[in-house]
Amino acid sequence: MPTERYKIRRFQESYIDSFMSYRNNEQKFIQVLASALSDNLASNNLLKKVDFKFSIFDSMNNENIYSIDLI
C-alpha cells in the first residue's frame, strides 16, 4: 500500500507533467511558481530534478520562479 509521502510525490509529478503538456502548446518556455506545489522546499527540489532552472525571485509575492526552455 503506497505511503502518504509516495502519494504526494506522485501527485506533484503528475501536476508538473500535466502543466508542462498544457504550456507546451502556448510558449517556447515554461515558468512555474515553486508554491504551485504544496511544500515549497520539496517543490524547489522537484523542479530542479526535472531540469527546471531558477529564473527569478518575485519579491512582491515572496516566490521562487523556475523556468525551462522547450526544444
PDB file of N, CA and C in Angstrom:
ATOM      1  N   MET A   1       0.849  -1.182   0.000  1.00  0.00           N
ATOM      2  CA  MET A   1       0.000   0.000   0.000  1.00  0.00           C
ATOM      3  C   MET A   1       0.893   1.243   0.000  1.00  0.00           C
ATOM      4  N   PRO A   2       0.653   2.172  -0.925  1.00  0.00           N
ATOM      5  CA  PRO A   2       1.504   3.365  -1.010  1.00  0.00           C
ATOM      6  C   PRO A   2       1.393   4.240   0.238  1.00  0.00           C
ATOM      7  N   THR A   3       2.528   4.785   0.640  1.00  0.00           N
ATOM      8  CA  THR A   3       2.538   5.692   1.783  1.00  0.00           C
ATOM      9  C   THR A   3       1.994   7.051   1.359  1.00  0.00           C
ATOM     10  N   GLU A   4       1.661   7.875   2.334  1.00  0.00           N
ATOM     11  CA  GLU A   4       1.152   9.218   2.057  1.00  0.00           C
ATOM     12  C   GLU A   4       2.200  10.048   1.326  1.00  0.00           C
ATOM     13  N   ARG A   5       3.442   9.897   1.724  1.00  0.00           N
ATOM     14  CA  ARG A   5       4.531  10.637   1.079  1.00  0.00           C
ATOM     15  C   ARG A   5       4.646  10.255  -0.401  1.00  0.00           C
ATOM     16  N   TYR A   6       4.520   8.968  -0.691  1.00  0.00           N
ATOM     17  CA  TYR A   6       4.568   8.492  -2.073  1.00  0.00           C
ATOM     18  C   TYR A   6       3.408   9.079  -2.876  1.00  0.00           C
ATOM     19  N   LYS A   7       2.206   9.094  -2.294  1.00  0.00           N
ATOM     20  CA  LYS A   7       1.036   9.643  -2.985  1.00  0.00           C
ATOM     21  C   LYS A   7       1.233  11.119  -3.302  1.00  0.00           C
ATOM     22  N   ILE A   8       1.777  11.862  -2.348  1.00  0.00           N
ATOM     23  CA  ILE A   8       2.024  13.292  -2.559  1.00  0.00           C
ATOM     24  C   ILE A   8       3.045  13.486  -3.667  1.00  0.00           C
ATOM     25  N   ARG A   9       4.110  12.713  -3.642  1.00  0.00           N
ATOM     26  CA  ARG A   9       5.148  12.821  -4.672  1.00  0.00           C
ATOM     27  C   ARG A   9       4.574  12.533  -6.053  1.00  0.00           C
ATOM     28  N   ARG A  10       3.776  11.473  -6.160  1.00  0.00           N
ATOM     29  CA  ARG A  10       3.166  11.125  -7.456  1.00  0.00           C
ATOM     30  C   ARG A  10       2.226  12.236  -7.921  1.00  0.00           C
ATOM     31  N   PHE A  11       1.477  12.828  -6.982  1.00  0.00           N
ATOM     32  CA  PHE A  11       0.590  13.930  -7.344  1.00  0.00           C
ATOM     33  C   PHE A  11       1.399  15.105  -7.873  1.00  0.00           C
ATOM     34  N   GLN A  12       2.495  15.432  -7.207  1.00  0.00           N
ATOM     35  CA  GLN A  12       3.314  16.554  -7.637  1.00  0.00           C
ATOM     36  C   GLN A  12       3.908  16.303  -9.017  1.00  0.00           C
ATOM     37  N   GLU A  13       4.404  15.106  -9.254  1.00  0.00           N
ATOM     38  CA  GLU A  13       4.966  14.774 -10.567  1.00  0.00           C
ATOM     39  C   GLU A  13       3.886  14.828 -11.640  1.00  0.00           C
ATOM     40  N   SER A  14       2.720  14.343 -11.319  1.00  0.00           N
ATOM     41  CA  SER A  14       1.603  14.367 -12.254  1.00  0.00           C
ATOM     42  C   SER A  14       1.190  15.804 -12.562  1.00  0.00           C
ATOM     43  N   TYR A  15       1.172  16.639 -11.539  1.00  0.00           N
ATOM     44  CA  TYR A  15       0.823  18.046 -11.711  1.00  0.00           C
ATOM     45  C   TYR A  15       1.786  18.716 -12.678  1.00  0.00           C
ATOM     46  N   ILE A  16       3.072  18.499 -12.485  1.00  0.00           N
ATOM     47  CA  ILE A  16       4.071  19.111 -13.362  1.00  0.00           C
ATOM     48  C   ILE A  16       3.933  18.576 -14.785  1.00  0.00           C
ATOM     49  N   ASP A  17       3.735  17.271 -14.936  1.00  0.00           N
ATOM     50  CA  ASP A  17       3.562  16.684 -16.269  1.00  0.00           C
ATOM     51  C   ASP A  17       2.383  17.306 -17.002  1.00  0.00           C
ATOM     52  N   SER A  18       1.256  17.421 -16.333  1.00  0.00           N
ATOM     53  CA  SER A  18       0.072  17.970 -16.989  1.00  0.00           C
ATOM     54  C   SER A  18       0.252  19.455 -17.277  1.00  0.00           C
ATOM     55  N   PHE A  19       0.883  20.160 -16.363  1.00  0.00           N
ATOM     56  CA  PHE A  19       1.139  21.583 -16.574  1.00  0.00           C
ATOM     57  C   PHE A  19       2.060  21.786 -17.766  1.00  0.00           C
ATOM     58  N   MET A  20       3.099  20.969 -17.865  1.00  0.00           N
ATOM     59  CA  MET A  20       4.034  21.082 -18.981  1.00  0.00           C
ATOM     60  C   MET A  20       3.340  20.781 -20.302  1.00  0.00           C
ATOM     61  N   SER A  21       2.482  19.802 -20.340  1.00  0.00           N
ATOM     62  CA  SER A  21       1.757  19.467 -21.565  1.00  0.00           C
ATOM     63  C   SER A  21       0.888  20.634 -22.007  1.00  0.00           C
ATOM     64  N   TYR A  22       0.215  21.249 -21.053  1.00  0.00           N
ATOM     65  CA  TYR A  22      -0.645  22.391 -21.361  1.00  0.00           C
ATOM     66  C   TYR A  22       0.167  23.564 -21.889  1.00  0.00           C
ATOM     67  N   ARG A  23       1.223  23.904 -21.198  1.00  0.00           N
ATOM     68  CA  ARG A  23       2.024  25.070 -21.573  1.00  0.00           C
ATOM     69  C   ARG A  23       2.859  24.829 -22.826  1.00  0.00           C
ATOM     70  N   ASN A  24       3.159  23.601 -23.131  1.00  0.00           N
ATOM     71  CA  ASN A  24       3.969  23.259 -24.291  1.00  0.00           C
ATOM     72  C   ASN A  24       3.366  23.823 -25.575  1.00  0.00           C
ATOM     73  N   ASN A  25       2.068  23.895 -25.642  1.00  0.00           N
ATOM     74  CA  ASN A  25       1.399  24.390 -26.836  1.00  0.00           C
ATOM     75  C   ASN A  25       1.296  25.911 -26.869  1.00  0.00           C
ATOM     76  N   GLU A  26       1.622  26.566 -25.798  1.00  0.00           N
ATOM     77  CA  GLU A  26       1.433  28.007 -25.695  1.00  0.00           C
ATOM     78  C   GLU A  26       2.710  28.818 -25.901  1.00  0.00           C
ATOM     79  N   GLN A  27       3.838  28.343 -25.400  1.00  0.00           N
ATOM     80  CA  GLN A  27       5.060  29.138 -25.396  1.00  0.00           C
ATOM     81  C   GLN A  27       6.263  28.258 -25.687  1.00  0.00           C
ATOM     82  N   LYS A  28       7.414  28.910 -25.856  1.00  0.00           N
ATOM     83  CA  LYS A  28       8.650  28.167 -26.073  1.00  0.00           C
ATOM     84  C   LYS A  28       9.395  27.940 -24.756  1.00  0.00           C
ATOM     85  N   PHE A  29       8.801  28.346 -23.663  1.00  0.00           N
ATOM     86  CA  PHE A  29       9.360  28.086 -22.341  1.00  0.00           C
ATOM     87  C   PHE A  29       8.221  27.946 -21.346  1.00  0.00           C
ATOM     88  N   ILE A  30       8.540  27.413 -20.205  1.00  0.00           N
ATOM     89  CA  ILE A  30       7.555  27.219 -19.143  1.00  0.00           C
ATOM     90  C   ILE A  30       8.090  27.880 -17.882  1.00  0.00           C
ATOM     91  N   GLN A  31       7.228  28.591 -17.180  1.00  0.00           N
ATOM     92  CA  GLN A  31       7.587  29.124 -15.872  1.00  0.00           C
ATOM     93  C   GLN A  31       6.628  28.553 -14.839  1.00  0.00           C
ATOM     94  N   VAL A  32       7.182  28.196 -13.687  1.00  0.00           N
ATOM     95  CA  VAL A  32       6.392  27.605 -12.611  1.00  0.00           C
ATOM     96  C   VAL A  32       6.742  28.303 -11.307  1.00  0.00           C
ATOM     97  N   LEU A  33       5.726  28.671 -10.546  1.00  0.00           N
ATOM     98  CA  LEU A  33       5.951  29.169  -9.194  1.00  0.00           C
ATOM     99  C   LEU A  33       6.224  27.971  -8.301  1.00  0.00           C
ATOM    100  N   ALA A  34       7.224  28.077  -7.476  1.00  0.00           N
ATOM    101  CA  ALA A  34       7.531  26.962  -6.576  1.00  0.00           C
ATOM    102  C   ALA A  34       6.346  26.648  -5.672  1.00  0.00           C
ATOM    103  N   SER A  35       5.561  27.648  -5.332  1.00  0.00           N
ATOM    104  CA  SER A  35       4.430  27.408  -4.430  1.00  0.00           C
ATOM    105  C   SER A  35       3.251  26.747  -5.126  1.00  0.00           C
ATOM    106  N   ALA A  36       3.379  26.479  -6.426  1.00  0.00           N
ATOM    107  CA  ALA A  36       2.312  25.742  -7.113  1.00  0.00           C
ATOM    108  C   ALA A  36       2.160  24.359  -6.496  1.00  0.00           C
ATOM    109  N   LEU A  37       3.212  23.887  -5.868  1.00  0.00           N
ATOM    110  CA  LEU A  37       3.164  22.611  -5.156  1.00  0.00           C
ATOM    111  C   LEU A  37       3.094  22.897  -3.662  1.00  0.00           C
ATOM    112  N   SER A  38       2.618  21.940  -2.912  1.00  0.00           N
ATOM    113  CA  SER A  38       2.274  22.192  -1.509  1.00  0.00           C
ATOM    114  C   SER A  38       3.447  22.548  -0.599  1.00  0.00           C
ATOM    115  N   ASP A  39       4.563  21.873  -0.711  1.00  0.00           N
ATOM    116  CA  ASP A  39       5.713  22.110   0.167  1.00  0.00           C
ATOM    117  C   ASP A  39       6.785  22.847  -0.629  1.00  0.00           C
ATOM    118  N   ASN A  40       7.091  24.082  -0.238  1.00  0.00           N
ATOM    119  CA  ASN A  40       7.985  24.932  -1.025  1.00  0.00           C
ATOM    120  C   ASN A  40       9.372  24.327  -1.218  1.00  0.00           C
ATOM    121  N   LEU A  41       9.982  23.788  -0.163  1.00  0.00           N
ATOM    122  CA  LEU A  41      11.315  23.195  -0.292  1.00  0.00           C
ATOM    123  C   LEU A  41      11.269  21.963  -1.190  1.00  0.00           C
ATOM    124  N   ALA A  42      10.284  21.117  -0.979  1.00  0.00           N
ATOM    125  CA  ALA A  42      10.129  19.940  -1.836  1.00  0.00           C
ATOM    126  C   ALA A  42       9.862  20.363  -3.273  1.00  0.00           C
ATOM    127  N   SER A  43       9.091  21.425  -3.436  1.00  0.00           N
ATOM    128  CA  SER A  43       8.804  21.940  -4.776  1.00  0.00           C
ATOM    129  C   SER A  43      10.071  22.386  -5.473  1.00  0.00           C
ATOM    130  N   ASN A  44      10.900  23.156  -4.775  1.00  0.00           N
ATOM    131  CA  ASN A  44      12.163  23.616  -5.354  1.00  0.00           C
ATOM    132  C   ASN A  44      13.016  22.434  -5.788  1.00  0.00           C
ATOM    133  N   ASN A  45      13.131  21.440  -4.925  1.00  0.00           N
ATOM    134  CA  ASN A  45      13.952  20.264  -5.237  1.00  0.00           C
ATOM    135  C   ASN A  45      13.385  19.471  -6.408  1.00  0.00           C
ATOM    136  N   LEU A  46      12.073  19.314  -6.445  1.00  0.00           N
ATOM    137  CA  LEU A  46      11.445  18.568  -7.528  1.00  0.00           C
ATOM    138  C   LEU A  46      11.617  19.293  -8.857  1.00  0.00           C
ATOM    139  N   LEU A  47      11.430  20.603  -8.860  1.00  0.00           N
ATOM    140  CA  LEU A  47      11.589  21.370 -10.096  1.00  0.00           C
ATOM    141  C   LEU A  47      13.013  21.268 -10.623  1.00  0.00           C
ATOM    142  N   LYS A  48      13.994  21.333  -9.730  1.00  0.00           N
ATOM    143  CA  LYS A  48      15.391  21.185 -10.153  1.00  0.00           C
ATOM    144  C   LYS A  48      15.642  19.787 -10.716  1.00  0.00           C
ATOM    145  N   LYS A  49      15.025  18.790 -10.106  1.00  0.00           N
ATOM    146  CA  LYS A  49      15.227  17.407 -10.536  1.00  0.00           C
ATOM    147  C   LYS A  49      14.730  17.175 -11.963  1.00  0.00           C
ATOM    148  N   VAL A  50      13.688  17.873 -12.363  1.00  0.00           N
ATOM    149  CA  VAL A  50      13.151  17.716 -13.720  1.00  0.00           C
ATOM    150  C   VAL A  50      13.666  18.816 -14.649  1.00  0.00           C
ATOM    151  N   ASP A  51      14.846  19.337 -14.333  1.00  0.00           N
ATOM    152  CA  ASP A  51      15.603  20.265 -15.181  1.00  0.00           C
ATOM    153  C   ASP A  51      15.055  21.681 -15.284  1.00  0.00           C
ATOM    154  N   PHE A  52      14.190  22.088 -14.359  1.00  0.00           N
ATOM    155  CA  PHE A  52      13.829  23.496 -14.302  1.00  0.00           C
ATOM    156  C   PHE A  52      14.997  24.245 -13.672  1.00  0.00           C
ATOM    157  N   LYS A  53      15.237  25.455 -14.123  1.00  0.00           N
ATOM    158  CA  LYS A  53      16.309  26.288 -13.579  1.00  0.00           C
ATOM    159  C   LYS A  53      15.684  27.474 -12.855  1.00  0.00           C
ATOM    160  N   PHE A  54      16.331  27.875 -11.766  1.00  0.00           N
ATOM    161  CA  PHE A  54      15.860  29.060 -11.063  1.00  0.00           C
ATOM    162  C   PHE A  54      15.907  30.237 -12.018  1.00  0.00           C
ATOM    163  N   SER A  55      14.830  30.971 -12.123  1.00  0.00           N
ATOM    164  CA  SER A  55      14.734  32.069 -13.071  1.00  0.00           C
ATOM    165  C   SER A  55      14.777  33.423 -12.370  1.00  0.00           C
ATOM    166  N   ILE A  56      13.892  33.612 -11.416  1.00  0.00           N
ATOM    167  CA  ILE A  56      13.787  34.912 -10.755  1.00  0.00           C
ATOM    168  C   ILE A  56      13.098  34.732  -9.403  1.00  0.00           C
ATOM    169  N   PHE A  57      13.374  35.657  -8.498  1.00  0.00           N
ATOM    170  CA  PHE A  57      12.669  35.682  -7.218  1.00  0.00           C
ATOM    171  C   PHE A  57      11.661  36.819  -7.275  1.00  0.00           C
ATOM    172  N   ASP A  58      10.405  36.503  -7.122  1.00  0.00           N
ATOM    173  CA  ASP A  58       9.338  37.502  -7.116  1.00  0.00           C
ATOM    174  C   ASP A  58       9.186  38.003  -5.688  1.00  0.00           C
ATOM    175  N   SER A  59       9.831  39.130  -5.400  1.00  0.00           N
ATOM    176  CA  SER A  59       9.836  39.635  -4.025  1.00  0.00           C
ATOM    177  C   SER A  59       8.458  40.130  -3.590  1.00  0.00           C
ATOM    178  N   MET A  60       7.645  40.529  -4.531  1.00  0.00           N
ATOM    179  CA  MET A  60       6.310  41.005  -4.182  1.00  0.00           C
ATOM    180  C   MET A  60       5.473  39.882  -3.557  1.00  0.00           C
ATOM    181  N   ASN A  61       5.608  38.685  -4.097  1.00  0.00           N
ATOM    182  CA  ASN A  61       4.852  37.538  -3.589  1.00  0.00           C
ATOM    183  C   ASN A  61       5.716  36.555  -2.805  1.00  0.00           C
ATOM    184  N   ASN A  62       7.003  36.895  -2.636  1.00  0.00           N
ATOM    185  CA  ASN A  62       7.936  36.032  -1.922  1.00  0.00           C
ATOM    186  C   ASN A  62       7.967  34.624  -2.528  1.00  0.00           C
ATOM    187  N   GLU A  63       8.146  34.565  -3.850  1.00  0.00           N
ATOM    188  CA  GLU A  63       8.085  33.311  -4.603  1.00  0.00           C
ATOM    189  C   GLU A  63       9.344  33.090  -5.421  1.00  0.00           C
ATOM    190  N   ASN A  64       9.810  31.862  -5.474  1.00  0.00           N
ATOM    191  CA  ASN A  64      10.832  31.473  -6.442  1.00  0.00           C
ATOM    192  C   ASN A  64      10.119  31.071  -7.725  1.00  0.00           C
ATOM    193  N   ILE A  65      10.615  31.571  -8.847  1.00  0.00           N
ATOM    194  CA  ILE A  65      10.046  31.203 -10.140  1.00  0.00           C
ATOM    195  C   ILE A  65      11.103  30.429 -10.910  1.00  0.00           C
ATOM    196  N   TYR A  66      10.724  29.253 -11.391  1.00  0.00           N
ATOM    197  CA  TYR A  66      11.621  28.393 -12.154  1.00  0.00           C
ATOM    198  C   TYR A  66      11.143  28.340 -13.596  1.00  0.00           C
ATOM    199  N   SER A  67      12.088  28.168 -14.516  1.00  0.00           N
ATOM    200  CA  SER A  67      11.700  28.065 -15.922  1.00  0.00           C
ATOM    201  C   SER A  67      12.483  26.956 -16.606  1.00  0.00           C
ATOM    202  N   ILE A  68      11.956  26.535 -17.742  1.00  0.00           N
ATOM    203  CA  ILE A  68      12.615  25.541 -18.571  1.00  0.00           C
ATOM    204  C   ILE A  68      12.340  25.915 -20.021  1.00  0.00           C
ATOM    205  N   ASP A  69      13.367  25.846 -20.850  1.00  0.00           N
ATOM    206  CA  ASP A  69      13.201  26.101 -22.279  1.00  0.00           C
ATOM    207  C   ASP A  69      12.734  24.826 -22.951  1.00  0.00           C
ATOM    208  N   LEU A  70      11.829  24.985 -23.884  1.00  0.00           N
ATOM    209  CA  LEU A  70      11.346  23.840 -24.649  1.00  0.00           C
ATOM    210  C   LEU A  70      12.116  23.763 -25.951  1.00  0.00           C
ATOM    211  N   ILE A  71      12.360  22.563 -26.399  1.00  0.00           N
ATOM    212  CA  ILE A  71      13.116  22.365 -27.641  1.00  0.00           C
ATOM    213  C   ILE A  71      12.219  22.650 -28.823  1.00  0.00           C
TER     214      ILE A  71
END
